[in-house]
Amino acid sequence: MSISRRTSLTVRSLGIASAAAALALGVAGTASACSIGDFKITGTITCDQQSGTGVLTVHDTDSTRPVTITVLNKGEKIAQQEFDKKTRGQDLTVTEVPWNAGAHYTVEATVPHFFQNKEVKGGVDVPNTSCAAPTTAPPTTPPASPTPSDTPTTPAQPTDSPTTSAPAGAPSDTPSATPSTSGAAQVADTSSPSTSPSGNLAETGGSSSTPVIAGVAAALVVVGGGAVFFLRRRTPATRH
């Protein structure tokens, strides 16, 4: 059975229309699947006080991966972070963004095979506040305790003073340098007493009155001897 020319033209027209519709749907589906309109900045940039930098969050409606988010300040790239398939369905969090109080940042997204460096609508404004990392005061070091010296300190030796002669008759306070080796007490030799510079007898217990006493004793001896001699001569004369 032959097909009429009219029928053939109708079928061909329907095929072409179906192909065109399929192509249009495919392009529309691809465009709706991943476009820059799927990206939106969530909230504002926040401060991470531990690092002193900012944190930026971008929401992706389509969750197409991989995707790269770039942050620019006056056209200069200041931060960039790439997200792979493991982050599918999650928001895109860019960390360690330099904090410039009051600045306006531009945010761009790149999706391979779809678009490159497309600007996310609106950008983000940095709050006009400080985001400095907290400073920790150094611990106070207690004063070091004095370390005892290992070497004993030698006491100062007394300076040699001139020897002062002790008064006559006073016992000496200075002990003898050489201890006695025998049990018997040493007897001082008084046979040749030495005379001290002051005229007194040294180390004998004598005094300046000794010559007077000796003279009186000698006189008494002479007187006594004379009396004995006189009495002995007188006795024989009286007997006769």
C-alpha atoms as a PDB file:
ATOM      1  CA  MET A   1       0.000   0.000   0.000  1.00  0.00           C
ATOM      2  CA  SER A   2       1.510   3.270  -1.015  1.00  0.00           C
ATOM      3  CA  ILE A   3       1.616   6.361   1.128  1.00  0.00           C
ATOM      4  CA  SER A   4       0.422   9.532  -0.437  1.00  0.00           C
ATOM      5  CA  ARG A   5       2.699  12.467  -0.822  1.00  0.00           C
ATOM      6  CA  ARG A   6       0.522  14.531   1.422  1.00  0.00           C
ATOM      7  CA  THR A   7       0.745  12.071   4.249  1.00  0.00           C
ATOM      8  CA  SER A   8       4.501  11.914   3.926  1.00  0.00           C
ATOM      9  CA  LEU A   9       4.820  15.668   4.219  1.00  0.00           C
ATOM     10  CA  THR A  10       2.619  15.657   7.277  1.00  0.00           C
ATOM     11  CA  VAL A  11       4.682  13.019   9.039  1.00  0.00           C
ATOM     12  CA  ARG A  12       7.918  14.807   8.195  1.00  0.00           C
ATOM     13  CA  SER A  13       6.564  18.057   9.564  1.00  0.00           C
ATOM     14  CA  LEU A  14       5.553  16.399  12.822  1.00  0.00           C
ATOM     15  CA  GLY A  15       9.023  14.863  13.251  1.00  0.00           C
ATOM     16  CA  ILE A  16      10.749  18.161  12.757  1.00  0.00           C
ATOM     17  CA  ALA A  17       8.450  19.858  15.233  1.00  0.00           C
ATOM     18  CA  SER A  18       9.007  17.139  17.818  1.00  0.00           C
ATOM     19  CA  ALA A  19      12.790  17.405  17.445  1.00  0.00           C
ATOM     20  CA  ALA A  20      12.643  21.170  17.797  1.00  0.00           C
ATOM     21  CA  ALA A  21      10.465  20.899  20.875  1.00  0.00           C
ATOM     22  CA  ALA A  22      12.808  18.341  22.429  1.00  0.00           C
ATOM     23  CA  LEU A  23      15.800  20.546  21.730  1.00  0.00           C
ATOM     24  CA  ALA A  24      14.076  23.555  23.228  1.00  0.00           C
ATOM     25  CA  LEU A  25      13.092  21.611  26.320  1.00  0.00           C
ATOM     26  CA  GLY A  26      16.655  20.335  26.700  1.00  0.00           C
ATOM     27  CA  VAL A  27      18.123  23.801  26.483  1.00  0.00           C
ATOM     28  CA  ALA A  28      15.522  25.169  28.851  1.00  0.00           C
ATOM     29  CA  GLY A  29      16.137  22.319  31.251  1.00  0.00           C
ATOM     30  CA  THR A  30      19.872  22.903  31.159  1.00  0.00           C
ATOM     31  CA  ALA A  31      19.454  26.611  31.696  1.00  0.00           C
ATOM     32  CA  SER A  32      17.122  26.093  34.615  1.00  0.00           C
ATOM     33  CA  ALA A  33      19.380  23.403  36.049  1.00  0.00           C
ATOM     34  CA  CYS A  34      22.405  25.708  36.510  1.00  0.00           C
ATOM     35  CA  SER A  35      22.466  29.464  36.148  1.00  0.00           C
ATOM     36  CA  ILE A  36      23.920  32.386  38.070  1.00  0.00           C
ATOM     37  CA  GLY A  37      20.404  33.099  39.274  1.00  0.00           C
ATOM     38  CA  ASP A  38      20.624  29.958  41.441  1.00  0.00           C
ATOM     39  CA  PHE A  39      23.202  31.623  43.687  1.00  0.00           C
ATOM     40  CA  LYS A  40      22.245  34.012  46.440  1.00  0.00           C
ATOM     41  CA  ILE A  41      24.227  35.483  49.320  1.00  0.00           C
ATOM     42  CA  THR A  42      22.766  34.491  52.678  1.00  0.00           C
ATOM     43  CA  GLY A  43      22.762  37.240  55.269  1.00  0.00           C
ATOM     44  CA  THR A  44      25.879  39.343  55.698  1.00  0.00           C
ATOM     45  CA  ILE A  45      29.514  38.555  56.246  1.00  0.00           C
ATOM     46  CA  THR A  46      30.162  37.566  59.859  1.00  0.00           C
ATOM     47  CA  CYS A  47      33.269  37.885  61.998  1.00  0.00           C
ATOM     48  CA  ASP A  48      35.272  34.910  63.241  1.00  0.00           C
ATOM     49  CA  GLN A  49      36.962  36.389  66.312  1.00  0.00           C
ATOM     50  CA  GLN A  50      39.301  33.442  66.707  1.00  0.00           C
ATOM     51  CA  SER A  51      41.023  34.205  63.383  1.00  0.00           C
ATOM     52  CA  GLY A  52      40.024  37.860  62.981  1.00  0.00           C
ATOM     53  CA  THR A  53      38.598  37.152  59.465  1.00  0.00           C
ATOM     54  CA  GLY A  54      35.145  37.071  57.893  1.00  0.00           C
ATOM     55  CA  VAL A  55      32.827  34.187  56.962  1.00  0.00           C
ATOM     56  CA  LEU A  56      30.587  34.438  53.861  1.00  0.00           C
ATOM     57  CA  THR A  57      27.730  32.047  53.033  1.00  0.00           C
ATOM     58  CA  VAL A  58      26.257  31.577  49.503  1.00  0.00           C
ATOM     59  CA  HIS A  59      23.116  29.519  48.867  1.00  0.00           C
ATOM     60  CA  ASP A  60      22.937  27.420  45.663  1.00  0.00           C
ATOM     61  CA  THR A  61      19.443  26.357  44.727  1.00  0.00           C
ATOM     62  CA  ASP A  62      20.484  23.820  42.065  1.00  0.00           C
ATOM     63  CA  SER A  63      23.463  22.327  44.002  1.00  0.00           C
ATOM     64  CA  THR A  64      25.438  21.744  40.807  1.00  0.00           C
ATOM     65  CA  ARG A  65      29.030  20.736  41.606  1.00  0.00           C
ATOM     66  CA  PRO A  66      31.882  21.477  41.334  1.00  0.00           C
ATOM     67  CA  VAL A  67      31.564  25.222  41.850  1.00  0.00           C
ATOM     68  CA  THR A  68      34.084  27.931  42.729  1.00  0.00           C
ATOM     69  CA  ILE A  69      33.210  31.053  44.731  1.00  0.00           C
ATOM     70  CA  THR A  70      35.500  34.084  44.451  1.00  0.00           C
ATOM     71  CA  VAL A  71      35.382  37.191  46.669  1.00  0.00           C
ATOM     72  CA  LEU A  72      36.738  40.474  45.267  1.00  0.00           C
ATOM     73  CA  ASN A  73      37.371  43.886  46.836  1.00  0.00           C
ATOM     74  CA  LYS A  74      37.381  46.650  44.202  1.00  0.00           C
ATOM     75  CA  GLY A  75      38.184  44.097  41.489  1.00  0.00           C
ATOM     76  CA  GLU A  76      41.036  42.470  43.462  1.00  0.00           C
ATOM     77  CA  LYS A  77      40.641  38.838  44.481  1.00  0.00           C
ATOM     78  CA  ILE A  78      40.922  38.523  48.256  1.00  0.00           C
ATOM     79  CA  ALA A  79      39.466  35.021  48.836  1.00  0.00           C
ATOM     80  CA  GLN A  80      38.524  31.958  46.798  1.00  0.00           C
ATOM     81  CA  GLN A  81      37.154  28.535  47.712  1.00  0.00           C
ATOM     82  CA  GLU A  82      36.174  25.491  45.634  1.00  0.00           C
ATOM     83  CA  PHE A  83      33.364  23.075  46.526  1.00  0.00           C
ATOM     84  CA  ASP A  84      33.133  19.510  45.169  1.00  0.00           C
ATOM     85  CA  LYS A  85      30.350  16.930  44.961  1.00  0.00           C
ATOM     86  CA  LYS A  86      30.636  16.147  48.679  1.00  0.00           C
ATOM     87  CA  THR A  87      28.997  19.496  49.438  1.00  0.00           C
ATOM     88  CA  ARG A  88      25.976  18.878  47.211  1.00  0.00           C
ATOM     89  CA  GLY A  89      22.801  20.117  48.904  1.00  0.00           C
ATOM     90  CA  GLN A  90      24.761  22.301  51.332  1.00  0.00           C
ATOM     91  CA  ASP A  91      25.342  26.038  51.438  1.00  0.00           C
ATOM     92  CA  LEU A  92      28.685  27.323  50.198  1.00  0.00           C
ATOM     93  CA  THR A  93      30.622  28.735  53.174  1.00  0.00           C
ATOM     94  CA  VAL A  94      33.710  30.778  52.339  1.00  0.00           C
ATOM     95  CA  THR A  95      36.025  31.240  55.325  1.00  0.00           C
ATOM     96  CA  GLU A  96      39.070  33.411  56.045  1.00  0.00           C
ATOM     97  CA  VAL A  97      37.760  36.391  54.099  1.00  0.00           C
ATOM     98  CA  PRO A  98      39.860  39.480  54.976  1.00  0.00           C
ATOM     99  CA  TRP A  99      37.861  41.901  57.128  1.00  0.00           C
ATOM    100  CA  ASN A 100      37.821  45.487  55.822  1.00  0.00           C
ATOM    101  CA  ALA A 101      35.293  47.413  57.898  1.00  0.00           C
ATOM    102  CA  GLY A 102      32.765  49.293  55.740  1.00  0.00           C
ATOM    103  CA  ALA A 103      33.964  47.774  52.413  1.00  0.00           C
ATOM    104  CA  HIS A 104      31.720  46.338  49.662  1.00  0.00           C
ATOM    105  CA  TYR A 105      32.715  42.924  48.313  1.00  0.00           C
ATOM    106  CA  THR A 106      31.809  41.465  44.939  1.00  0.00           C
ATOM    107  CA  VAL A 107      31.051  37.715  44.828  1.00  0.00           C
ATOM    108  CA  GLU A 108      31.491  35.638  41.650  1.00  0.00           C
ATOM    109  CA  ALA A 109      30.597  32.009  40.884  1.00  0.00           C
ATOM    110  CA  THR A 110      32.098  29.625  38.333  1.00  0.00           C
ATOM    111  CA  VAL A 111      30.483  26.339  37.265  1.00  0.00           C
ATOM    112  CA  PRO A 112      32.497  24.324  34.701  1.00  0.00           C
ATOM    113  CA  HIS A 113      30.689  23.732  31.357  1.00  0.00           C
ATOM    114  CA  PHE A 114      28.006  26.262  32.311  1.00  0.00           C
ATOM    115  CA  PHE A 115      29.444  29.707  33.104  1.00  0.00           C
ATOM    116  CA  GLN A 116      32.577  31.337  34.469  1.00  0.00           C
ATOM    117  CA  ASN A 117      33.113  34.307  36.842  1.00  0.00           C
ATOM    118  CA  LYS A 118      29.491  35.370  36.895  1.00  0.00           C
ATOM    119  CA  GLU A 119      28.662  37.948  39.556  1.00  0.00           C
ATOM    120  CA  VAL A 120      26.228  36.955  42.267  1.00  0.00           C
ATOM    121  CA  LYS A 121      23.555  39.613  42.498  1.00  0.00           C
ATOM    122  CA  GLY A 122      23.952  42.206  45.232  1.00  0.00           C
ATOM    123  CA  GLY A 123      27.380  41.363  46.586  1.00  0.00           C
ATOM    124  CA  VAL A 124      27.931  41.875  50.316  1.00  0.00           C
ATOM    125  CA  ASP A 125      28.707  44.811  52.604  1.00  0.00           C
ATOM    126  CA  VAL A 126      31.177  44.415  55.485  1.00  0.00           C
ATOM    127  CA  PRO A 127      29.895  45.827  58.804  1.00  0.00           C
ATOM    128  CA  ASN A 128      31.692  48.965  59.917  1.00  0.00           C
ATOM    129  CA  THR A 129      33.024  47.288  63.052  1.00  0.00           C
ATOM    130  CA  SER A 130      36.286  45.782  64.148  1.00  0.00           C
ATOM    131  CA  CYS A 131      37.048  42.078  63.840  1.00  0.00           C
ATOM    132  CA  ALA A 132      40.374  41.740  65.604  1.00  0.00           C
ATOM    133  CA  ALA A 133      41.563  38.471  67.066  1.00  0.00           C
ATOM    134  CA  PRO A 134      41.511  38.539  70.876  1.00  0.00           C
ATOM    135  CA  THR A 135      44.845  39.302  72.439  1.00  0.00           C
ATOM    136  CA  THR A 136      45.990  37.167  75.334  1.00  0.00           C
ATOM    137  CA  ALA A 137      48.061  38.839  78.005  1.00  0.00           C
ATOM    138  CA  PRO A 138      51.288  36.962  78.710  1.00  0.00           C
ATOM    139  CA  PRO A 139      51.293  35.164  82.053  1.00  0.00           C
ATOM    140  CA  THR A 140      52.956  36.994  84.868  1.00  0.00           C
ATOM    141  CA  THR A 141      56.229  35.331  85.732  1.00  0.00           C
ATOM    142  CA  PRO A 142      56.847  35.224  89.491  1.00  0.00           C
ATOM    143  CA  PRO A 143      60.215  36.533  90.602  1.00  0.00           C
ATOM    144  CA  ALA A 144      62.852  33.877  90.638  1.00  0.00           C
ATOM    145  CA  SER A 145      63.714  32.607  94.093  1.00  0.00           C
ATOM    146  CA  PRO A 146      67.342  33.089  95.061  1.00  0.00           C
ATOM    147  CA  THR A 147      69.411  30.030  94.391  1.00  0.00           C
ATOM    148  CA  PRO A 148      71.520  28.970  97.372  1.00  0.00           C
ATOM    149  CA  SER A 149      75.163  28.994  96.564  1.00  0.00           C
ATOM    150  CA  ASP A 150      76.868  25.618  96.532  1.00  0.00           C
ATOM    151  CA  THR A 151      80.117  27.133  97.776  1.00  0.00           C
ATOM    152  CA  PRO A 152      80.027  28.013 101.493  1.00  0.00           C
ATOM    153  CA  THR A 153      80.869  31.569 102.243  1.00  0.00           C
ATOM    154  CA  THR A 154      84.186  31.916 104.059  1.00  0.00           C
ATOM    155  CA  PRO A 155      83.835  34.256 107.037  1.00  0.00           C
ATOM    156  CA  ALA A 156      86.025  37.299 106.949  1.00  0.00           C
ATOM    157  CA  GLN A 157      89.253  36.855 108.827  1.00  0.00           C
ATOM    158  CA  PRO A 158      89.826  39.413 111.586  1.00  0.00           C
ATOM    159  CA  THR A 159      92.503  41.909 110.832  1.00  0.00           C
ATOM    160  CA  ASP A 160      95.696  41.634 112.786  1.00  0.00           C
ATOM    161  CA  SER A 161      95.710  44.193 115.589  1.00  0.00           C
ATOM    162  CA  PRO A 162      98.826  45.267 117.499  1.00  0.00           C
ATOM    163  CA  THR A 163      99.458  43.221 120.611  1.00  0.00           C
ATOM    164  CA  THR A 164      98.614  45.086 123.788  1.00  0.00           C
ATOM    165  CA  SER A 165     100.463  44.009 126.904  1.00  0.00           C
ATOM    166  CA  ALA A 166      98.192  42.912 129.693  1.00  0.00           C
ATOM    167  CA  PRO A 167      98.283  44.826 132.977  1.00  0.00           C
ATOM    168  CA  ALA A 168     100.608  43.460 135.620  1.00  0.00           C
ATOM    169  CA  GLY A 169      99.017  40.764 137.712  1.00  0.00           C
ATOM    170  CA  ALA A 170      96.054  40.261 135.359  1.00  0.00           C
ATOM    171  CA  PRO A 171      95.554  36.775 133.891  1.00  0.00           C
ATOM    172  CA  SER A 172      95.920  36.519 130.154  1.00  0.00           C
ATOM    173  CA  ASP A 173      92.615  36.037 128.230  1.00  0.00           C
ATOM    174  CA  THR A 174      94.375  34.523 125.240  1.00  0.00           C
ATOM    175  CA  PRO A 175      94.789  30.750 125.484  1.00  0.00           C
ATOM    176  CA  SER A 176      98.138  29.254 124.692  1.00  0.00           C
ATOM    177  CA  ALA A 177      98.551  28.469 121.002  1.00  0.00           C
ATOM    178  CA  THR A 178     100.294  25.161 121.751  1.00  0.00           C
ATOM    179  CA  PRO A 179      98.284  22.829 124.003  1.00  0.00           C
ATOM    180  CA  SER A 180     100.116  20.971 126.763  1.00  0.00           C
ATOM    181  CA  THR A 181     100.931  17.360 125.941  1.00  0.00           C
ATOM    182  CA  SER A 182     101.583  16.199 129.510  1.00  0.00           C
ATOM    183  CA  GLY A 183      99.160  15.977 132.379  1.00  0.00           C
ATOM    184  CA  ALA A 184     101.359  18.041 134.721  1.00  0.00           C
ATOM    185  CA  ALA A 185     100.944  21.784 134.750  1.00  0.00           C
ATOM    186  CA  GLN A 186     103.828  23.690 133.368  1.00  0.00           C
ATOM    187  CA  VAL A 187     105.592  25.763 135.998  1.00  0.00           C
ATOM    188  CA  ALA A 188     106.588  29.227 134.919  1.00  0.00           C
ATOM    189  CA  ASP A 189     110.308  29.958 135.167  1.00  0.00           C
ATOM    190  CA  THR A 190     110.582  32.875 137.533  1.00  0.00           C
ATOM    191  CA  SER A 191     114.343  32.809 137.909  1.00  0.00           C
ATOM    192  CA  SER A 192     114.856  35.458 135.306  1.00  0.00           C
ATOM    193  CA  PRO A 193     111.781  37.621 135.257  1.00  0.00           C
ATOM    194  CA  SER A 194     111.505  39.933 132.341  1.00  0.00           C
ATOM    195  CA  THR A 195     110.748  43.504 132.953  1.00  0.00           C
ATOM    196  CA  SER A 196     107.901  45.000 130.973  1.00  0.00           C
ATOM    197  CA  PRO A 197     108.387  48.334 129.266  1.00  0.00           C
ATOM    198  CA  SER A 198     106.344  49.991 132.005  1.00  0.00           C
ATOM    199  CA  GLY A 199     108.891  48.960 134.706  1.00  0.00           C
ATOM    200  CA  ASN A 200     106.738  46.183 136.213  1.00  0.00           C
ATOM    201  CA  LEU A 201     107.733  42.570 136.400  1.00  0.00           C
ATOM    202  CA  ALA A 202     106.143  40.594 133.617  1.00  0.00           C
ATOM    203  CA  GLU A 203     104.516  37.174 134.094  1.00  0.00           C
ATOM    204  CA  THR A 204     105.735  36.777 137.781  1.00  0.00           C
ATOM    205  CA  GLY A 205     103.090  38.545 139.753  1.00  0.00           C
ATOM    206  CA  GLY A 206     105.718  41.026 141.106  1.00  0.00           C
ATOM    207  CA  SER A 207     105.245  44.746 141.497  1.00  0.00           C
ATOM    208  CA  SER A 208     107.338  47.913 141.999  1.00  0.00           C
ATOM    209  CA  SER A 209     107.261  47.415 145.860  1.00  0.00           C
ATOM    210  CA  THR A 210     109.347  44.234 145.680  1.00  0.00           C
ATOM    211  CA  PRO A 211     112.768  46.001 146.072  1.00  0.00           C
ATOM    212  CA  VAL A 212     111.515  47.869 149.159  1.00  0.00           C
ATOM    213  CA  ILE A 213     110.307  44.682 150.782  1.00  0.00           C
ATOM    214  CA  ALA A 214     113.590  42.978 149.926  1.00  0.00           C
ATOM    215  CA  GLY A 215     115.541  45.870 151.477  1.00  0.00           C
ATOM    216  CA  VAL A 216     113.508  45.773 154.690  1.00  0.00           C
ATOM    217  CA  ALA A 217     113.990  42.009 154.939  1.00  0.00           C
ATOM    218  CA  ALA A 218     117.743  42.370 154.455  1.00  0.00           C
ATOM    219  CA  ALA A 219     117.879  45.040 157.170  1.00  0.00           C
ATOM    220  CA  LEU A 220     115.957  42.810 159.544  1.00  0.00           C
ATOM    221  CA  VAL A 221     118.344  39.948 158.783  1.00  0.00           C
ATOM    222  CA  VAL A 222     121.331  42.187 159.572  1.00  0.00           C
ATOM    223  CA  VAL A 223     119.701  43.477 162.757  1.00  0.00           C
ATOM    224  CA  GLY A 224     118.818  39.976 163.849  1.00  0.00           C
ATOM    225  CA  GLY A 225     122.291  38.698 163.107  1.00  0.00           C
ATOM    226  CA  GLY A 226     123.840  41.570 165.068  1.00  0.00           C
ATOM    227  CA  ALA A 227     121.575  40.892 168.049  1.00  0.00           C
ATOM    228  CA  VAL A 228     122.528  37.209 168.065  1.00  0.00           C
ATOM    229  CA  PHE A 229     126.213  38.038 167.835  1.00  0.00           C
ATOM    230  CA  PHE A 230     125.903  40.615 170.645  1.00  0.00           C
ATOM    231  CA  LEU A 231     124.028  38.218 172.912  1.00  0.00           C
ATOM    232  CA  ARG A 232     126.556  35.388 172.370  1.00  0.00           C
ATOM    233  CA  ARG A 233     129.503  37.618 173.305  1.00  0.00           C
ATOM    234  CA  ARG A 234     127.747  38.950 176.382  1.00  0.00           C
ATOM    235  CA  THR A 235     126.856  35.568 177.758  1.00  0.00           C
ATOM    236  CA  PRO A 236     130.428  34.281 178.373  1.00  0.00           C
ATOM    237  CA  ALA A 237     131.431  37.525 180.116  1.00  0.00           C
ATOM    238  CA  THR A 238     128.604  37.247 182.615  1.00  0.00           C
ATOM    239  CA  ARG A 239     129.512  33.613 183.391  1.00  0.00           C
ATOM    240  CA  HIS A 240     133.057  34.585 184.550  1.00  0.00           C
END
